[in-house]
Amino acid sequence: MHVLQISTGLWKCQPRSGCHFCVKLFPSVRRVARDPRFDDLSGEYNPEVFDKTYEFLNDIRAKEKELVKKQLKRHRSGEELHLALKQERRAQAQQGHRPYFLKKSEQRQLALAEKFKELKRSKKLDSFLSRKRRRNAGKDRQHLPLNKV
């Protein structure tokens, strides 16, 4: 790694050996960042105009809040099943039984049964099953051989 100084005062790497550090021949002109909150070019701060301009953000925040609440509710319902199994294991241990840990397949079946109960309670089971049927029919169609004429 040999670095040479050219007569113009710039530094340059010799071509026979690669340069392992960045040597800039022409320094880049950095643009100065401008914060509009504190810059005079942006005008004076008027709270009424600001609130009116960015009022749409409140709607976005409300929608995001509802979305997060739904996700949290869904997450908690999964945790409730897990906690119920844990309490059942504790109760069995107190009675003197050895703890029984469910296999993954059994856990999936319990979760699916819980999901079906929830869908039945909210009366969305029919639409869920029809969607599932359509999805499975599409998958089955993919595996069928093509009709050759």
C-alpha atoms as a PDB file:
ATOM      1  CA  MET A   1       0.000   0.000   0.000  1.00  0.00           C
ATOM      2  CA  HIS A   2       1.864   2.982  -1.279  1.00  0.00           C
ATOM      3  CA  VAL A   3       0.316   6.402  -1.219  1.00  0.00           C
ATOM      4  CA  LEU A   4       1.849   9.089  -3.377  1.00  0.00           C
ATOM      5  CA  GLN A   5       1.484  12.811  -3.162  1.00  0.00           C
ATOM      6  CA  ILE A   6       0.911  14.372  -6.541  1.00  0.00           C
ATOM      7  CA  SER A   7       2.322  17.814  -7.334  1.00  0.00           C
ATOM      8  CA  THR A   8      -1.155  19.344  -7.011  1.00  0.00           C
ATOM      9  CA  GLY A   9      -1.235  18.365  -3.360  1.00  0.00           C
ATOM     10  CA  LEU A  10      -3.751  15.538  -3.812  1.00  0.00           C
ATOM     11  CA  TRP A  11      -3.079  12.057  -2.476  1.00  0.00           C
ATOM     12  CA  LYS A  12      -3.370   9.052  -4.753  1.00  0.00           C
ATOM     13  CA  CYS A  13      -2.821   5.287  -4.358  1.00  0.00           C
ATOM     14  CA  GLN A  14      -0.378   3.469  -6.591  1.00  0.00           C
ATOM     15  CA  PRO A  15      -2.198   1.118  -8.966  1.00  0.00           C
ATOM     16  CA  ARG A  16      -0.013  -1.945  -8.292  1.00  0.00           C
ATOM     17  CA  SER A  17      -1.280  -2.341  -4.731  1.00  0.00           C
ATOM     18  CA  GLY A  18      -4.829  -1.820  -3.583  1.00  0.00           C
ATOM     19  CA  CYS A  19      -5.630   0.941  -1.185  1.00  0.00           C
ATOM     20  CA  HIS A  20      -7.106  -0.394   2.042  1.00  0.00           C
ATOM     21  CA  PHE A  21      -8.428   2.898   3.239  1.00  0.00           C
ATOM     22  CA  CYS A  22     -10.485   5.508   1.539  1.00  0.00           C
ATOM     23  CA  VAL A  23      -8.404   8.271  -0.018  1.00  0.00           C
ATOM     24  CA  LYS A  24     -10.550  10.900  -1.628  1.00  0.00           C
ATOM     25  CA  LEU A  25      -9.075  12.800  -4.533  1.00  0.00           C
ATOM     26  CA  PHE A  26     -11.962  15.227  -4.738  1.00  0.00           C
ATOM     27  CA  PRO A  27     -13.623  15.987  -1.429  1.00  0.00           C
ATOM     28  CA  SER A  28     -17.397  15.825  -1.731  1.00  0.00           C
ATOM     29  CA  VAL A  29     -19.271  19.032  -1.124  1.00  0.00           C
ATOM     30  CA  ARG A  30     -21.615  18.275   1.763  1.00  0.00           C
ATOM     31  CA  ARG A  31     -24.957  19.962   1.773  1.00  0.00           C
ATOM     32  CA  VAL A  32     -25.729  21.637   5.037  1.00  0.00           C
ATOM     33  CA  ALA A  33     -28.766  20.109   6.667  1.00  0.00           C
ATOM     34  CA  ARG A  34     -31.522  22.602   7.350  1.00  0.00           C
ATOM     35  CA  ASP A  35     -34.003  22.031  10.157  1.00  0.00           C
ATOM     36  CA  PRO A  36     -37.276  23.727   9.159  1.00  0.00           C
ATOM     37  CA  ARG A  37     -38.350  24.065  12.790  1.00  0.00           C
ATOM     38  CA  PHE A  38     -35.617  26.568  13.543  1.00  0.00           C
ATOM     39  CA  ASP A  39     -35.043  28.107  10.117  1.00  0.00           C
ATOM     40  CA  ASP A  40     -36.334  31.579   9.242  1.00  0.00           C
ATOM     41  CA  LEU A  41     -36.977  30.534   5.638  1.00  0.00           C
ATOM     42  CA  SER A  42     -39.886  28.358   6.782  1.00  0.00           C
ATOM     43  CA  GLY A  43     -41.834  31.302   8.150  1.00  0.00           C
ATOM     44  CA  GLU A  44     -43.162  31.984  11.614  1.00  0.00           C
ATOM     45  CA  TYR A  45     -44.748  29.325  13.799  1.00  0.00           C
ATOM     46  CA  ASN A  46     -48.502  29.615  14.047  1.00  0.00           C
ATOM     47  CA  PRO A  47     -50.105  26.914  16.238  1.00  0.00           C
ATOM     48  CA  GLU A  48     -53.555  27.184  14.607  1.00  0.00           C
ATOM     49  CA  VAL A  49     -52.155  26.717  11.101  1.00  0.00           C
ATOM     50  CA  PHE A  50     -49.917  23.893  12.317  1.00  0.00           C
ATOM     51  CA  ASP A  51     -52.833  22.044  13.944  1.00  0.00           C
ATOM     52  CA  LYS A  52     -54.989  22.492  10.858  1.00  0.00           C
ATOM     53  CA  THR A  53     -52.227  21.334   8.505  1.00  0.00           C
ATOM     54  CA  TYR A  54     -51.302  18.207  10.448  1.00  0.00           C
ATOM     55  CA  GLU A  55     -54.788  17.269  11.630  1.00  0.00           C
ATOM     56  CA  PHE A  56     -54.721  14.119   9.483  1.00  0.00           C
ATOM     57  CA  LEU A  57     -52.013  12.688  11.756  1.00  0.00           C
ATOM     58  CA  ASN A  58     -54.537  12.328  14.586  1.00  0.00           C
ATOM     59  CA  ASP A  59     -56.700  10.106  12.359  1.00  0.00           C
ATOM     60  CA  ILE A  60     -53.683   7.998  11.436  1.00  0.00           C
ATOM     61  CA  ARG A  61     -52.736   7.644  15.107  1.00  0.00           C
ATOM     62  CA  ALA A  62     -56.275   6.545  15.996  1.00  0.00           C
ATOM     63  CA  LYS A  63     -56.265   3.903  13.231  1.00  0.00           C
ATOM     64  CA  GLU A  64     -52.864   2.614  14.331  1.00  0.00           C
ATOM     65  CA  LYS A  65     -54.077   2.468  17.932  1.00  0.00           C
ATOM     66  CA  GLU A  66     -57.083   0.343  16.921  1.00  0.00           C
ATOM     67  CA  LEU A  67     -54.838  -1.933  14.866  1.00  0.00           C
ATOM     68  CA  VAL A  68     -52.446  -2.433  17.769  1.00  0.00           C
ATOM     69  CA  LYS A  69     -55.373  -3.152  20.110  1.00  0.00           C
ATOM     70  CA  LYS A  70     -56.635  -5.866  17.746  1.00  0.00           C
ATOM     71  CA  GLN A  71     -53.169  -7.393  17.492  1.00  0.00           C
ATOM     72  CA  LEU A  72     -52.794  -7.315  21.270  1.00  0.00           C
ATOM     73  CA  LYS A  73     -56.172  -8.989  21.739  1.00  0.00           C
ATOM     74  CA  ARG A  74     -55.204 -11.731  19.277  1.00  0.00           C
ATOM     75  CA  HIS A  75     -51.875 -12.208  21.023  1.00  0.00           C
ATOM     76  CA  ARG A  76     -53.491 -12.384  24.458  1.00  0.00           C
ATOM     77  CA  SER A  77     -55.975 -15.044  23.334  1.00  0.00           C
ATOM     78  CA  GLY A  78     -53.025 -17.236  22.345  1.00  0.00           C
ATOM     79  CA  GLU A  79     -51.353 -16.582  25.667  1.00  0.00           C
ATOM     80  CA  GLU A  80     -54.513 -17.457  27.620  1.00  0.00           C
ATOM     81  CA  LEU A  81     -54.437 -21.006  26.267  1.00  0.00           C
ATOM     82  CA  HIS A  82     -50.761 -21.282  27.203  1.00  0.00           C
ATOM     83  CA  LEU A  83     -51.447 -20.008  30.736  1.00  0.00           C
ATOM     84  CA  ALA A  84     -54.394 -22.392  31.167  1.00  0.00           C
ATOM     85  CA  LEU A  85     -52.166 -25.348  30.279  1.00  0.00           C
ATOM     86  CA  LYS A  86     -49.540 -24.100  32.707  1.00  0.00           C
ATOM     87  CA  GLN A  87     -52.081 -23.848  35.546  1.00  0.00           C
ATOM     88  CA  GLU A  88     -53.337 -27.334  34.762  1.00  0.00           C
ATOM     89  CA  ARG A  89     -49.779 -28.690  35.007  1.00  0.00           C
ATOM     90  CA  ARG A  90     -49.313 -26.962  38.369  1.00  0.00           C
ATOM     91  CA  ALA A  91     -52.561 -28.419  39.679  1.00  0.00           C
ATOM     92  CA  GLN A  92     -51.490 -31.911  38.620  1.00  0.00           C
ATOM     93  CA  ALA A  93     -48.097 -31.420  40.291  1.00  0.00           C
ATOM     94  CA  GLN A  94     -49.793 -30.397  43.547  1.00  0.00           C
ATOM     95  CA  GLN A  95     -51.908 -33.547  43.445  1.00  0.00           C
ATOM     96  CA  GLY A  96     -48.739 -35.606  43.102  1.00  0.00           C
ATOM     97  CA  HIS A  97     -48.956 -36.437  39.400  1.00  0.00           C
ATOM     98  CA  ARG A  98     -46.028 -36.046  37.064  1.00  0.00           C
ATOM     99  CA  PRO A  99     -46.370 -33.082  34.700  1.00  0.00           C
ATOM    100  CA  TYR A 100     -47.492 -33.884  31.169  1.00  0.00           C
ATOM    101  CA  PHE A 101     -46.171 -31.653  28.410  1.00  0.00           C
ATOM    102  CA  LEU A 102     -48.209 -31.519  25.235  1.00  0.00           C
ATOM    103  CA  LYS A 103     -46.633 -32.283  21.891  1.00  0.00           C
ATOM    104  CA  LYS A 104     -46.597 -29.581  19.218  1.00  0.00           C
ATOM    105  CA  SER A 105     -49.308 -31.378  17.243  1.00  0.00           C
ATOM    106  CA  GLU A 106     -51.583 -31.529  20.309  1.00  0.00           C
ATOM    107  CA  GLN A 107     -50.950 -27.841  21.002  1.00  0.00           C
ATOM    108  CA  ARG A 108     -51.907 -27.007  17.405  1.00  0.00           C
ATOM    109  CA  GLN A 109     -55.102 -29.044  17.716  1.00  0.00           C
ATOM    110  CA  LEU A 110     -56.057 -27.249  20.931  1.00  0.00           C
ATOM    111  CA  ALA A 111     -55.332 -23.860  19.346  1.00  0.00           C
ATOM    112  CA  LEU A 112     -57.426 -24.800  16.307  1.00  0.00           C
ATOM    113  CA  ALA A 113     -60.304 -25.939  18.529  1.00  0.00           C
ATOM    114  CA  GLU A 114     -60.113 -22.640  20.435  1.00  0.00           C
ATOM    115  CA  LYS A 115     -60.131 -20.728  17.142  1.00  0.00           C
ATOM    116  CA  PHE A 116     -63.219 -22.610  15.963  1.00  0.00           C
ATOM    117  CA  LYS A 117     -65.008 -21.874  19.244  1.00  0.00           C
ATOM    118  CA  GLU A 118     -64.174 -18.185  18.898  1.00  0.00           C
ATOM    119  CA  LEU A 119     -65.367 -18.110  15.278  1.00  0.00           C
ATOM    120  CA  LYS A 120     -68.572 -19.899  16.208  1.00  0.00           C
ATOM    121  CA  ARG A 121     -69.184 -17.437  19.026  1.00  0.00           C
ATOM    122  CA  SER A 122     -68.696 -14.463  16.694  1.00  0.00           C
ATOM    123  CA  LYS A 123     -70.748 -16.184  13.923  1.00  0.00           C
ATOM    124  CA  LYS A 124     -67.946 -15.963  11.365  1.00  0.00           C
ATOM    125  CA  LEU A 125     -67.384 -19.709  11.116  1.00  0.00           C
ATOM    126  CA  ASP A 126     -69.275 -20.157   7.820  1.00  0.00           C
ATOM    127  CA  SER A 127     -67.324 -17.446   6.010  1.00  0.00           C
ATOM    128  CA  PHE A 128     -64.048 -18.789   7.412  1.00  0.00           C
ATOM    129  CA  LEU A 129     -64.809 -22.347   6.276  1.00  0.00           C
ATOM    130  CA  SER A 130     -65.922 -21.216   2.802  1.00  0.00           C
ATOM    131  CA  ARG A 131     -62.673 -19.251   2.362  1.00  0.00           C
ATOM    132  CA  LYS A 132     -60.669 -22.256   3.542  1.00  0.00           C
ATOM    133  CA  ARG A 133     -62.564 -24.524   1.129  1.00  0.00           C
ATOM    134  CA  ARG A 134     -61.853 -22.181  -1.802  1.00  0.00           C
ATOM    135  CA  ARG A 135     -58.170 -21.946  -0.875  1.00  0.00           C
ATOM    136  CA  ASN A 136     -57.851 -25.731  -0.644  1.00  0.00           C
ATOM    137  CA  ALA A 137     -59.690 -26.173  -3.965  1.00  0.00           C
ATOM    138  CA  GLY A 138     -57.164 -23.861  -5.623  1.00  0.00           C
ATOM    139  CA  LYS A 139     -54.293 -25.844  -4.161  1.00  0.00           C
ATOM    140  CA  ASP A 140     -55.855 -29.110  -5.354  1.00  0.00           C
ATOM    141  CA  ARG A 141     -56.256 -27.674  -8.866  1.00  0.00           C
ATOM    142  CA  GLN A 142     -52.537 -26.897  -8.974  1.00  0.00           C
ATOM    143  CA  HIS A 143     -51.676 -30.556  -8.422  1.00  0.00           C
ATOM    144  CA  LEU A 144     -53.989 -31.845 -11.184  1.00  0.00           C
ATOM    145  CA  PRO A 145     -52.312 -32.692 -14.515  1.00  0.00           C
ATOM    146  CA  LEU A 146     -52.925 -30.288 -17.396  1.00  0.00           C
ATOM    147  CA  ASN A 147     -55.524 -31.333 -19.975  1.00  0.00           C
ATOM    148  CA  LYS A 148     -53.711 -32.052 -23.233  1.00  0.00           C
ATOM    149  CA  VAL A 149     -55.727 -31.883 -26.450  1.00  0.00           C
END
